[in-house]
């Protein structure tokens, strides 16, 4: 129930949630982080 409520709030606020995409590896530089997940690559300035 808690996860359902938090997911609904996150999506209503504009958070993108990609399920079935577990992080496999990543590389970071001074500018950002490149993450490999579910066979695809995603880029961000920070990774948590």
ModelCIF file with pLDDT and N, C-alpha, C, O atoms, coordinates in Angstrom:
data_MODEL
#
_entry.id   MODEL 
#
_entity.id                         1 
_entity.type                       polymer 
_entity.pdbx_number_of_molecules   1 
#
_entity_poly.entity_id                      1 
_entity_poly.type                           'polypeptide(L)' 
_entity_poly.nstd_linkage                   no 
_entity_poly.nstd_monomer                   no 
_entity_poly.pdbx_seq_one_letter_code       
;(UNK)(UNK)(UNK)(UNK)(UNK)(UNK)(UNK)(UNK)(UNK)(UNK)(UNK)(UNK)(UNK)(UNK)(UNK)(UNK)
(UNK)(UNK)(UNK)(UNK)(UNK)(UNK)(UNK)(UNK)(UNK)(UNK)(UNK)(UNK)(UNK)(UNK)(UNK)(UNK)
(UNK)(UNK)(UNK)(UNK)(UNK)(UNK)(UNK)(UNK)(UNK)(UNK)(UNK)(UNK)(UNK)(UNK)(UNK)(UNK)
;
_entity_poly.pdbx_seq_one_letter_code_can   XXXXXXXXXXXXXXXXXXXXXXXXXXXXXXXXXXXXXXXXXXXXXXXX 
_entity_poly.pdbx_strand_id                 A 
#
loop_
_entity_poly_seq.entity_id 
_entity_poly_seq.num 
_entity_poly_seq.mon_id 
_entity_poly_seq.hetero 
1 1  UNK n 
1 2  UNK n 
1 3  UNK n 
1 4  UNK n 
1 5  UNK n 
1 6  UNK n 
1 7  UNK n 
1 8  UNK n 
1 9  UNK n 
1 10 UNK n 
1 11 UNK n 
1 12 UNK n 
1 13 UNK n 
1 14 UNK n 
1 15 UNK n 
1 16 UNK n 
1 17 UNK n 
1 18 UNK n 
1 19 UNK n 
1 20 UNK n 
1 21 UNK n 
1 22 UNK n 
1 23 UNK n 
1 24 UNK n 
1 25 UNK n 
1 26 UNK n 
1 27 UNK n 
1 28 UNK n 
1 29 UNK n 
1 30 UNK n 
1 31 UNK n 
1 32 UNK n 
1 33 UNK n 
1 34 UNK n 
1 35 UNK n 
1 36 UNK n 
1 37 UNK n 
1 38 UNK n 
1 39 UNK n 
1 40 UNK n 
1 41 UNK n 
1 42 UNK n 
1 43 UNK n 
1 44 UNK n 
1 45 UNK n 
1 46 UNK n 
1 47 UNK n 
1 48 UNK n 
#
_struct_asym.id          A 
_struct_asym.entity_id   1 
#
loop_
_ma_qa_metric.id 
_ma_qa_metric.mode 
_ma_qa_metric.name 
_ma_qa_metric.software_group_id 
_ma_qa_metric.type 
1 global pLDDT . pLDDT 
2 local  pLDDT . pLDDT 
#
_ma_qa_metric_global.metric_id      1 
_ma_qa_metric_global.metric_value   96.02 
_ma_qa_metric_global.model_id       1 
_ma_qa_metric_global.ordinal_id     1 
#
loop_
_ma_qa_metric_local.label_asym_id 
_ma_qa_metric_local.label_comp_id 
_ma_qa_metric_local.label_seq_id 
_ma_qa_metric_local.metric_id 
_ma_qa_metric_local.metric_value 
_ma_qa_metric_local.model_id 
_ma_qa_metric_local.ordinal_id 
A UNK 1  2 90.00 1 1  
A UNK 2  2 93.00 1 2  
A UNK 3  2 94.00 1 3  
A UNK 4  2 94.00 1 4  
A UNK 5  2 96.00 1 5  
A UNK 6  2 97.00 1 6  
A UNK 7  2 96.00 1 7  
A UNK 8  2 96.00 1 8  
A UNK 9  2 97.00 1 9  
A UNK 10 2 98.00 1 10 
A UNK 11 2 97.00 1 11 
A UNK 12 2 98.00 1 12 
A UNK 13 2 97.00 1 13 
A UNK 14 2 97.00 1 14 
A UNK 15 2 98.00 1 15 
A UNK 16 2 98.00 1 16 
A UNK 17 2 97.00 1 17 
A UNK 18 2 96.00 1 18 
A UNK 19 2 96.00 1 19 
A UNK 20 2 95.00 1 20 
A UNK 21 2 96.00 1 21 
A UNK 22 2 94.00 1 22 
A UNK 23 2 96.00 1 23 
A UNK 24 2 96.00 1 24 
A UNK 25 2 96.00 1 25 
A UNK 26 2 97.00 1 26 
A UNK 27 2 96.00 1 27 
A UNK 28 2 96.00 1 28 
A UNK 29 2 95.00 1 29 
A UNK 30 2 92.00 1 30 
A UNK 31 2 92.00 1 31 
A UNK 32 2 96.00 1 32 
A UNK 33 2 97.00 1 33 
A UNK 34 2 97.00 1 34 
A UNK 35 2 97.00 1 35 
A UNK 36 2 97.00 1 36 
A UNK 37 2 96.00 1 37 
A UNK 38 2 92.00 1 38 
A UNK 39 2 92.00 1 39 
A UNK 40 2 96.00 1 40 
A UNK 41 2 97.00 1 41 
A UNK 42 2 98.00 1 42 
A UNK 43 2 98.00 1 43 
A UNK 44 2 98.00 1 44 
A UNK 45 2 98.00 1 45 
A UNK 46 2 98.00 1 46 
A UNK 47 2 98.00 1 47 
A UNK 48 2 98.00 1 48 
#
loop_
_atom_site.group_PDB 
_atom_site.id 
_atom_site.type_symbol 
_atom_site.label_atom_id 
_atom_site.label_alt_id 
_atom_site.label_comp_id 
_atom_site.label_asym_id 
_atom_site.label_entity_id 
_atom_site.label_seq_id 
_atom_site.pdbx_PDB_ins_code 
_atom_site.Cartn_x 
_atom_site.Cartn_y 
_atom_site.Cartn_z 
_atom_site.occupancy 
_atom_site.B_iso_or_equiv 
_atom_site.pdbx_formal_charge 
_atom_site.auth_seq_id 
_atom_site.auth_comp_id 
_atom_site.auth_asym_id 
_atom_site.auth_atom_id 
_atom_site.pdbx_PDB_model_num 
ATOM 1   N N  . UNK A 1 1  ? 0.823  -1.198 0.000   1.00 90.00 ? 1  UNK A N  1 
ATOM 2   C CA . UNK A 1 1  ? 0.000  0.000  0.000   1.00 90.00 ? 1  UNK A CA 1 
ATOM 3   C C  . UNK A 1 1  ? 0.863  1.256  0.000   1.00 90.00 ? 1  UNK A C  1 
ATOM 4   O O  . UNK A 1 1  ? 0.577  2.210  -0.723  1.00 90.00 ? 1  UNK A O  1 
ATOM 5   N N  . UNK A 1 2  ? 1.920  1.257  0.810   1.00 93.00 ? 2  UNK A N  1 
ATOM 6   C CA . UNK A 1 2  ? 2.807  2.412  0.869   1.00 93.00 ? 2  UNK A CA 1 
ATOM 7   C C  . UNK A 1 2  ? 3.463  2.669  -0.480  1.00 93.00 ? 2  UNK A C  1 
ATOM 8   O O  . UNK A 1 2  ? 3.514  3.810  -0.938  1.00 93.00 ? 2  UNK A O  1 
ATOM 9   N N  . UNK A 1 3  ? 3.964  1.618  -1.116  1.00 94.00 ? 3  UNK A N  1 
ATOM 10  C CA . UNK A 1 3  ? 4.604  1.787  -2.416  1.00 94.00 ? 3  UNK A CA 1 
ATOM 11  C C  . UNK A 1 3  ? 3.613  2.274  -3.466  1.00 94.00 ? 3  UNK A C  1 
ATOM 12  O O  . UNK A 1 3  ? 3.968  3.087  -4.319  1.00 94.00 ? 3  UNK A O  1 
ATOM 13  N N  . UNK A 1 4  ? 2.387  1.791  -3.413  1.00 94.00 ? 4  UNK A N  1 
ATOM 14  C CA . UNK A 1 4  ? 1.364  2.222  -4.375  1.00 94.00 ? 4  UNK A CA 1 
ATOM 15  C C  . UNK A 1 4  ? 1.090  3.711  -4.230  1.00 94.00 ? 4  UNK A C  1 
ATOM 16  O O  . UNK A 1 4  ? 0.975  4.428  -5.225  1.00 94.00 ? 4  UNK A O  1 
ATOM 17  N N  . UNK A 1 5  ? 0.985  4.173  -2.992  1.00 96.00 ? 5  UNK A N  1 
ATOM 18  C CA . UNK A 1 5  ? 0.709  5.588  -2.729  1.00 96.00 ? 5  UNK A CA 1 
ATOM 19  C C  . UNK A 1 5  ? 1.880  6.456  -3.184  1.00 96.00 ? 5  UNK A C  1 
ATOM 20  O O  . UNK A 1 5  ? 1.677  7.496  -3.811  1.00 96.00 ? 5  UNK A O  1 
ATOM 21  N N  . UNK A 1 6  ? 3.098  6.034  -2.871  1.00 97.00 ? 6  UNK A N  1 
ATOM 22  C CA . UNK A 1 6  ? 4.269  6.825  -3.255  1.00 97.00 ? 6  UNK A CA 1 
ATOM 23  C C  . UNK A 1 6  ? 4.467  6.824  -4.767  1.00 97.00 ? 6  UNK A C  1 
ATOM 24  O O  . UNK A 1 6  ? 4.867  7.837  -5.340  1.00 97.00 ? 6  UNK A O  1 
ATOM 25  N N  . UNK A 1 7  ? 4.191  5.695  -5.415  1.00 96.00 ? 7  UNK A N  1 
ATOM 26  C CA . UNK A 1 7  ? 4.320  5.643  -6.881  1.00 96.00 ? 7  UNK A CA 1 
ATOM 27  C C  . UNK A 1 7  ? 3.304  6.556  -7.551  1.00 96.00 ? 7  UNK A C  1 
ATOM 28  O O  . UNK A 1 7  ? 3.617  7.248  -8.520  1.00 96.00 ? 7  UNK A O  1 
ATOM 29  N N  . UNK A 1 8  ? 2.076  6.551  -7.021  1.00 96.00 ? 8  UNK A N  1 
ATOM 30  C CA . UNK A 1 8  ? 1.036  7.413  -7.588  1.00 96.00 ? 8  UNK A CA 1 
ATOM 31  C C  . UNK A 1 8  ? 1.408  8.883  -7.410  1.00 96.00 ? 8  UNK A C  1 
ATOM 32  O O  . UNK A 1 8  ? 1.219  9.685  -8.325  1.00 96.00 ? 8  UNK A O  1 
ATOM 33  N N  . UNK A 1 9  ? 1.929  9.238  -6.251  1.00 97.00 ? 9  UNK A N  1 
ATOM 34  C CA . UNK A 1 9  ? 2.351  10.626 -6.025  1.00 97.00 ? 9  UNK A CA 1 
ATOM 35  C C  . UNK A 1 9  ? 3.497  10.990 -6.959  1.00 97.00 ? 9  UNK A C  1 
ATOM 36  O O  . UNK A 1 9  ? 3.495  12.065 -7.558  1.00 97.00 ? 9  UNK A O  1 
ATOM 37  N N  . UNK A 1 10 ? 4.478  10.094 -7.084  1.00 98.00 ? 10 UNK A N  1 
ATOM 38  C CA . UNK A 1 10 ? 5.620  10.383 -7.944  1.00 98.00 ? 10 UNK A CA 1 
ATOM 39  C C  . UNK A 1 10 ? 5.196  10.606 -9.392  1.00 98.00 ? 10 UNK A C  1 
ATOM 40  O O  . UNK A 1 10 ? 5.624  11.565 -10.033 1.00 98.00 ? 10 UNK A O  1 
ATOM 41  N N  . UNK A 1 11 ? 4.349  9.709  -9.900  1.00 97.00 ? 11 UNK A N  1 
ATOM 42  C CA . UNK A 1 11 ? 3.919  9.837  -11.288 1.00 97.00 ? 11 UNK A CA 1 
ATOM 43  C C  . UNK A 1 11 ? 3.070  11.080 -11.499 1.00 97.00 ? 11 UNK A C  1 
ATOM 44  O O  . UNK A 1 11 ? 3.158  11.723 -12.545 1.00 97.00 ? 11 UNK A O  1 
ATOM 45  N N  . UNK A 1 12 ? 2.248  11.423 -10.515 1.00 98.00 ? 12 UNK A N  1 
ATOM 46  C CA . UNK A 1 12 ? 1.431  12.633 -10.620 1.00 98.00 ? 12 UNK A CA 1 
ATOM 47  C C  . UNK A 1 12 ? 2.305  13.886 -10.654 1.00 98.00 ? 12 UNK A C  1 
ATOM 48  O O  . UNK A 1 12 ? 1.925  14.903 -11.235 1.00 98.00 ? 12 UNK A O  1 
ATOM 49  N N  . UNK A 1 13 ? 3.474  13.802 -10.028 1.00 97.00 ? 13 UNK A N  1 
ATOM 50  C CA . UNK A 1 13 ? 4.392  14.941 -9.996  1.00 97.00 ? 13 UNK A CA 1 
ATOM 51  C C  . UNK A 1 13 ? 5.289  15.001 -11.224 1.00 97.00 ? 13 UNK A C  1 
ATOM 52  O O  . UNK A 1 13 ? 6.027  15.970 -11.407 1.00 97.00 ? 13 UNK A O  1 
ATOM 53  N N  . UNK A 1 14 ? 5.231  13.964 -12.075 1.00 97.00 ? 14 UNK A N  1 
ATOM 54  C CA . UNK A 1 14 ? 6.029  13.983 -13.290 1.00 97.00 ? 14 UNK A CA 1 
ATOM 55  C C  . UNK A 1 14 ? 7.283  13.128 -13.251 1.00 97.00 ? 14 UNK A C  1 
ATOM 56  O O  . UNK A 1 14 ? 8.132  13.239 -14.135 1.00 97.00 ? 14 UNK A O  1 
ATOM 57  N N  . UNK A 1 15 ? 7.413  12.277 -12.239 1.00 98.00 ? 15 UNK A N  1 
ATOM 58  C CA . UNK A 1 15 ? 8.540  11.345 -12.199 1.00 98.00 ? 15 UNK A CA 1 
ATOM 59  C C  . UNK A 1 15 ? 8.312  10.250 -13.235 1.00 98.00 ? 15 UNK A C  1 
ATOM 60  O O  . UNK A 1 15 ? 7.201  9.734  -13.356 1.00 98.00 ? 15 UNK A O  1 
ATOM 61  N N  . UNK A 1 16 ? 9.340  9.898  -13.971 1.00 98.00 ? 16 UNK A N  1 
ATOM 62  C CA . UNK A 1 16 ? 9.271  8.772  -14.907 1.00 98.00 ? 16 UNK A CA 1 
ATOM 63  C C  . UNK A 1 16 ? 9.745  7.510  -14.194 1.00 98.00 ? 16 UNK A C  1 
ATOM 64  O O  . UNK A 1 16 ? 10.818 7.500  -13.590 1.00 98.00 ? 16 UNK A O  1 
ATOM 65  N N  . UNK A 1 17 ? 8.957  6.461  -14.263 1.00 97.00 ? 17 UNK A N  1 
ATOM 66  C CA . UNK A 1 17 ? 9.305  5.190  -13.636 1.00 97.00 ? 17 UNK A CA 1 
ATOM 67  C C  . UNK A 1 17 ? 9.385  4.126  -14.715 1.00 97.00 ? 17 UNK A C  1 
ATOM 68  O O  . UNK A 1 17 ? 8.389  3.842  -15.381 1.00 97.00 ? 17 UNK A O  1 
ATOM 69  N N  . UNK A 1 18 ? 10.552 3.538  -14.894 1.00 96.00 ? 18 UNK A N  1 
ATOM 70  C CA . UNK A 1 18 ? 10.754 2.471  -15.881 1.00 96.00 ? 18 UNK A CA 1 
ATOM 71  C C  . UNK A 1 18 ? 10.950 1.160  -15.144 1.00 96.00 ? 18 UNK A C  1 
ATOM 72  O O  . UNK A 1 18 ? 11.983 0.942  -14.512 1.00 96.00 ? 18 UNK A O  1 
ATOM 73  N N  . UNK A 1 19 ? 9.952  0.286  -15.227 1.00 96.00 ? 19 UNK A N  1 
ATOM 74  C CA . UNK A 1 19 ? 10.030 -1.011 -14.547 1.00 96.00 ? 19 UNK A CA 1 
ATOM 75  C C  . UNK A 1 19 ? 10.588 -2.066 -15.495 1.00 96.00 ? 19 UNK A C  1 
ATOM 76  O O  . UNK A 1 19 ? 10.393 -2.008 -16.709 1.00 96.00 ? 19 UNK A O  1 
ATOM 77  N N  . UNK A 1 20 ? 11.287 -3.031 -14.904 1.00 95.00 ? 20 UNK A N  1 
ATOM 78  C CA . UNK A 1 20 ? 11.965 -4.037 -15.714 1.00 95.00 ? 20 UNK A CA 1 
ATOM 79  C C  . UNK A 1 20 ? 13.316 -3.559 -16.201 1.00 95.00 ? 20 UNK A C  1 
ATOM 80  O O  . UNK A 1 20 ? 13.875 -4.129 -17.139 1.00 95.00 ? 20 UNK A O  1 
ATOM 81  N N  . UNK A 1 21 ? 13.854 -2.510 -15.571 1.00 96.00 ? 21 UNK A N  1 
ATOM 82  C CA . UNK A 1 21 ? 15.145 -1.950 -15.966 1.00 96.00 ? 21 UNK A CA 1 
ATOM 83  C C  . UNK A 1 21 ? 16.060 -1.878 -14.742 1.00 96.00 ? 21 UNK A C  1 
ATOM 84  O O  . UNK A 1 21 ? 16.255 -0.815 -14.152 1.00 96.00 ? 21 UNK A O  1 
ATOM 85  N N  . UNK A 1 22 ? 16.613 -3.032 -14.378 1.00 94.00 ? 22 UNK A N  1 
ATOM 86  C CA . UNK A 1 22 ? 17.563 -3.069 -13.282 1.00 94.00 ? 22 UNK A CA 1 
ATOM 87  C C  . UNK A 1 22 ? 18.925 -2.559 -13.722 1.00 94.00 ? 22 UNK A C  1 
ATOM 88  O O  . UNK A 1 22 ? 19.395 -2.901 -14.807 1.00 94.00 ? 22 UNK A O  1 
ATOM 89  N N  . UNK A 1 23 ? 19.560 -1.749 -12.893 1.00 96.00 ? 23 UNK A N  1 
ATOM 90  C CA . UNK A 1 23 ? 20.878 -1.212 -13.233 1.00 96.00 ? 23 UNK A CA 1 
ATOM 91  C C  . UNK A 1 23 ? 21.893 -2.346 -13.301 1.00 96.00 ? 23 UNK A C  1 
ATOM 92  O O  . UNK A 1 23 ? 21.985 -3.171 -12.392 1.00 96.00 ? 23 UNK A O  1 
ATOM 93  N N  . UNK A 1 24 ? 22.649 -2.371 -14.387 1.00 96.00 ? 24 UNK A N  1 
ATOM 94  C CA . UNK A 1 24 ? 23.661 -3.406 -14.598 1.00 96.00 ? 24 UNK A CA 1 
ATOM 95  C C  . UNK A 1 24 ? 25.070 -2.861 -14.404 1.00 96.00 ? 24 UNK A C  1 
ATOM 96  O O  . UNK A 1 24 ? 25.939 -3.553 -13.874 1.00 96.00 ? 24 UNK A O  1 
ATOM 97  N N  . UNK A 1 25 ? 25.293 -1.635 -14.828 1.00 96.00 ? 25 UNK A N  1 
ATOM 98  C CA . UNK A 1 25 ? 26.607 -1.000 -14.693 1.00 96.00 ? 25 UNK A CA 1 
ATOM 99  C C  . UNK A 1 25 ? 26.441 0.495  -14.943 1.00 96.00 ? 25 UNK A C  1 
ATOM 100 O O  . UNK A 1 25 ? 25.388 0.949  -15.389 1.00 96.00 ? 25 UNK A O  1 
ATOM 101 N N  . UNK A 1 26 ? 27.490 1.246  -14.652 1.00 97.00 ? 26 UNK A N  1 
ATOM 102 C CA . UNK A 1 26 ? 27.454 2.680  -14.955 1.00 97.00 ? 26 UNK A CA 1 
ATOM 103 C C  . UNK A 1 26 ? 28.866 3.224  -15.051 1.00 97.00 ? 26 UNK A C  1 
ATOM 104 O O  . UNK A 1 26 ? 29.825 2.626  -14.563 1.00 97.00 ? 26 UNK A O  1 
ATOM 105 N N  . UNK A 1 27 ? 28.964 4.368  -15.691 1.00 96.00 ? 27 UNK A N  1 
ATOM 106 C CA . UNK A 1 27 ? 30.216 5.115  -15.757 1.00 96.00 ? 27 UNK A CA 1 
ATOM 107 C C  . UNK A 1 27 ? 29.917 6.560  -15.401 1.00 96.00 ? 27 UNK A C  1 
ATOM 108 O O  . UNK A 1 27 ? 28.896 7.115  -15.807 1.00 96.00 ? 27 UNK A O  1 
ATOM 109 N N  . UNK A 1 28 ? 30.817 7.162  -14.637 1.00 96.00 ? 28 UNK A N  1 
ATOM 110 C CA . UNK A 1 28 ? 30.615 8.561  -14.294 1.00 96.00 ? 28 UNK A CA 1 
ATOM 111 C C  . UNK A 1 28 ? 31.804 9.403  -14.738 1.00 96.00 ? 28 UNK A C  1 
ATOM 112 O O  . UNK A 1 28 ? 32.938 8.932  -14.830 1.00 96.00 ? 28 UNK A O  1 
ATOM 113 N N  . UNK A 1 29 ? 31.498 10.667 -15.007 1.00 95.00 ? 29 UNK A N  1 
ATOM 114 C CA . UNK A 1 29 ? 32.521 11.638 -15.387 1.00 95.00 ? 29 UNK A CA 1 
ATOM 115 C C  . UNK A 1 29 ? 32.273 12.910 -14.592 1.00 95.00 ? 29 UNK A C  1 
ATOM 116 O O  . UNK A 1 29 ? 31.401 12.946 -13.724 1.00 95.00 ? 29 UNK A O  1 
ATOM 117 N N  . UNK A 1 30 ? 33.033 13.945 -14.884 1.00 92.00 ? 30 UNK A N  1 
ATOM 118 C CA . UNK A 1 30 ? 32.828 15.217 -14.195 1.00 92.00 ? 30 UNK A CA 1 
ATOM 119 C C  . UNK A 1 30 ? 31.488 15.842 -14.552 1.00 92.00 ? 30 UNK A C  1 
ATOM 120 O O  . UNK A 1 30 ? 30.971 16.677 -13.810 1.00 92.00 ? 30 UNK A O  1 
ATOM 121 N N  . UNK A 1 31 ? 30.922 15.436 -15.695 1.00 92.00 ? 31 UNK A N  1 
ATOM 122 C CA . UNK A 1 31 ? 29.683 16.052 -16.167 1.00 92.00 ? 31 UNK A CA 1 
ATOM 123 C C  . UNK A 1 31 ? 28.431 15.248 -15.819 1.00 92.00 ? 31 UNK A C  1 
ATOM 124 O O  . UNK A 1 31 ? 27.344 15.818 -15.728 1.00 92.00 ? 31 UNK A O  1 
ATOM 125 N N  . UNK A 1 32 ? 28.563 13.934 -15.623 1.00 96.00 ? 32 UNK A N  1 
ATOM 126 C CA . UNK A 1 32 ? 27.366 13.168 -15.382 1.00 96.00 ? 32 UNK A CA 1 
ATOM 127 C C  . UNK A 1 32 ? 27.631 11.681 -15.252 1.00 96.00 ? 32 UNK A C  1 
ATOM 128 O O  . UNK A 1 32 ? 28.767 11.245 -15.064 1.00 96.00 ? 32 UNK A O  1 
ATOM 129 N N  . UNK A 1 33 ? 26.546 10.908 -15.358 1.00 97.00 ? 33 UNK A N  1 
ATOM 130 C CA . UNK A 1 33 ? 26.603 9.460  -15.178 1.00 97.00 ? 33 UNK A CA 1 
ATOM 131 C C  . UNK A 1 33 ? 25.849 8.799  -16.322 1.00 97.00 ? 33 UNK A C  1 
ATOM 132 O O  . UNK A 1 33 ? 24.751 9.218  -16.688 1.00 97.00 ? 33 UNK A O  1 
ATOM 133 N N  . UNK A 1 34 ? 26.461 7.757  -16.881 1.00 97.00 ? 34 UNK A N  1 
ATOM 134 C CA . UNK A 1 34 ? 25.828 6.968  -17.930 1.00 97.00 ? 34 UNK A CA 1 
ATOM 135 C C  . UNK A 1 34 ? 25.529 5.586  -17.354 1.00 97.00 ? 34 UNK A C  1 
ATOM 136 O O  . UNK A 1 34 ? 26.434 4.895  -16.886 1.00 97.00 ? 34 UNK A O  1 
ATOM 137 N N  . UNK A 1 35 ? 24.250 5.184  -17.389 1.00 97.00 ? 35 UNK A N  1 
ATOM 138 C CA . UNK A 1 35 ? 23.810 3.955  -16.730 1.00 97.00 ? 35 UNK A CA 1 
ATOM 139 C C  . UNK A 1 35 ? 23.301 2.962  -17.756 1.00 97.00 ? 35 UNK A C  1 
ATOM 140 O O  . UNK A 1 35 ? 22.511 3.309  -18.633 1.00 97.00 ? 35 UNK A O  1 
ATOM 141 N N  . UNK A 1 36 ? 23.763 1.710  -17.639 1.00 97.00 ? 36 UNK A N  1 
ATOM 142 C CA . UNK A 1 36 ? 23.247 0.623  -18.459 1.00 97.00 ? 36 UNK A CA 1 
ATOM 143 C C  . UNK A 1 36 ? 22.225 -0.143 -17.639 1.00 97.00 ? 36 UNK A C  1 
ATOM 144 O O  . UNK A 1 36 ? 22.542 -0.655 -16.565 1.00 97.00 ? 36 UNK A O  1 
ATOM 145 N N  . UNK A 1 37 ? 20.997 -0.223 -18.141 1.00 96.00 ? 37 UNK A N  1 
ATOM 146 C CA . UNK A 1 37 ? 19.918 -0.911 -17.414 1.00 96.00 ? 37 UNK A CA 1 
ATOM 147 C C  . UNK A 1 37 ? 18.974 -1.535 -18.426 1.00 96.00 ? 37 UNK A C  1 
ATOM 148 O O  . UNK A 1 37 ? 18.514 -0.863 -19.349 1.00 96.00 ? 37 UNK A O  1 
ATOM 149 N N  . UNK A 1 38 ? 18.683 -2.826 -18.256 1.00 92.00 ? 38 UNK A N  1 
ATOM 150 C CA . UNK A 1 38 ? 17.760 -3.505 -19.150 1.00 92.00 ? 38 UNK A CA 1 
ATOM 151 C C  . UNK A 1 38 ? 18.187 -3.470 -20.592 1.00 92.00 ? 38 UNK A C  1 
ATOM 152 O O  . UNK A 1 38 ? 17.345 -3.456 -21.489 1.00 92.00 ? 38 UNK A O  1 
ATOM 153 N N  . UNK A 1 39 ? 19.494 -3.456 -20.833 1.00 92.00 ? 39 UNK A N  1 
ATOM 154 C CA . UNK A 1 39 ? 20.002 -3.444 -22.203 1.00 92.00 ? 39 UNK A CA 1 
ATOM 155 C C  . UNK A 1 39 ? 19.980 -2.081 -22.863 1.00 92.00 ? 39 UNK A C  1 
ATOM 156 O O  . UNK A 1 39 ? 20.326 -1.961 -24.038 1.00 92.00 ? 39 UNK A O  1 
ATOM 157 N N  . UNK A 1 40 ? 19.584 -1.057 -22.139 1.00 96.00 ? 40 UNK A N  1 
ATOM 158 C CA . UNK A 1 40 ? 19.554 0.299  -22.692 1.00 96.00 ? 40 UNK A CA 1 
ATOM 159 C C  . UNK A 1 40 ? 20.478 1.206  -21.881 1.00 96.00 ? 40 UNK A C  1 
ATOM 160 O O  . UNK A 1 40 ? 20.913 0.849  -20.786 1.00 96.00 ? 40 UNK A O  1 
ATOM 161 N N  . UNK A 1 41 ? 20.766 2.365  -22.427 1.00 97.00 ? 41 UNK A N  1 
ATOM 162 C CA . UNK A 1 41 ? 21.639 3.339  -21.759 1.00 97.00 ? 41 UNK A CA 1 
ATOM 163 C C  . UNK A 1 41 ? 20.837 4.581  -21.394 1.00 97.00 ? 41 UNK A C  1 
ATOM 164 O O  . UNK A 1 41 ? 20.091 5.117  -22.213 1.00 97.00 ? 41 UNK A O  1 
ATOM 165 N N  . UNK A 1 42 ? 21.000 5.020  -20.176 1.00 98.00 ? 42 UNK A N  1 
ATOM 166 C CA . UNK A 1 42 ? 20.319 6.217  -19.674 1.00 98.00 ? 42 UNK A CA 1 
ATOM 167 C C  . UNK A 1 42 ? 21.368 7.173  -19.108 1.00 98.00 ? 42 UNK A C  1 
ATOM 168 O O  . UNK A 1 42 ? 22.367 6.748  -18.529 1.00 98.00 ? 42 UNK A O  1 
ATOM 169 N N  . UNK A 1 43 ? 21.119 8.477  -19.289 1.00 98.00 ? 43 UNK A N  1 
ATOM 170 C CA . UNK A 1 43 ? 22.089 9.473  -18.847 1.00 98.00 ? 43 UNK A CA 1 
ATOM 171 C C  . UNK A 1 43 ? 21.459 10.463 -17.881 1.00 98.00 ? 43 UNK A C  1 
ATOM 172 O O  . UNK A 1 43 ? 20.309 10.878 -18.026 1.00 98.00 ? 43 UNK A O  1 
ATOM 173 N N  . UNK A 1 44 ? 22.251 10.814 -16.906 1.00 98.00 ? 44 UNK A N  1 
ATOM 174 C CA . UNK A 1 44 ? 21.807 11.794 -15.925 1.00 98.00 ? 44 UNK A CA 1 
ATOM 175 C C  . UNK A 1 44 ? 22.995 12.537 -15.354 1.00 98.00 ? 44 UNK A C  1 
ATOM 176 O O  . UNK A 1 44 ? 24.143 12.119 -15.510 1.00 98.00 ? 44 UNK A O  1 
ATOM 177 N N  . UNK A 1 45 ? 22.709 13.632 -14.698 1.00 98.00 ? 45 UNK A N  1 
ATOM 178 C CA . UNK A 1 45 ? 23.794 14.393 -14.063 1.00 98.00 ? 45 UNK A CA 1 
ATOM 179 C C  . UNK A 1 45 ? 24.221 13.735 -12.749 1.00 98.00 ? 45 UNK A C  1 
ATOM 180 O O  . UNK A 1 45 ? 25.373 13.858 -12.334 1.00 98.00 ? 45 UNK A O  1 
ATOM 181 N N  . UNK A 1 46 ? 23.288 13.039 -12.101 1.00 98.00 ? 46 UNK A N  1 
ATOM 182 C CA . UNK A 1 46 ? 23.577 12.369 -10.834 1.00 98.00 ? 46 UNK A CA 1 
ATOM 183 C C  . UNK A 1 46 ? 22.874 11.022 -10.815 1.00 98.00 ? 46 UNK A C  1 
ATOM 184 O O  . UNK A 1 46 ? 21.873 10.819 -11.502 1.00 98.00 ? 46 UNK A O  1 
ATOM 185 N N  . UNK A 1 47 ? 23.410 10.106 -10.019 1.00 98.00 ? 47 UNK A N  1 
ATOM 186 C CA . UNK A 1 47 ? 22.815 8.780  -9.824  1.00 98.00 ? 47 UNK A CA 1 
ATOM 187 C C  . UNK A 1 47 ? 22.720 8.520  -8.324  1.00 98.00 ? 47 UNK A C  1 
ATOM 188 O O  . UNK A 1 47 ? 23.682 8.730  -7.585  1.00 98.00 ? 47 UNK A O  1 
ATOM 189 N N  . UNK A 1 48 ? 21.557 8.065  -7.886  1.00 98.00 ? 48 UNK A N  1 
ATOM 190 C CA . UNK A 1 48 ? 21.373 7.688  -6.485  1.00 98.00 ? 48 UNK A CA 1 
ATOM 191 C C  . UNK A 1 48 ? 20.977 6.215  -6.434  1.00 98.00 ? 48 UNK A C  1 
ATOM 192 O O  . UNK A 1 48 ? 20.766 5.669  -5.351  1.00 98.00 ? 48 UNK A O  1 
#
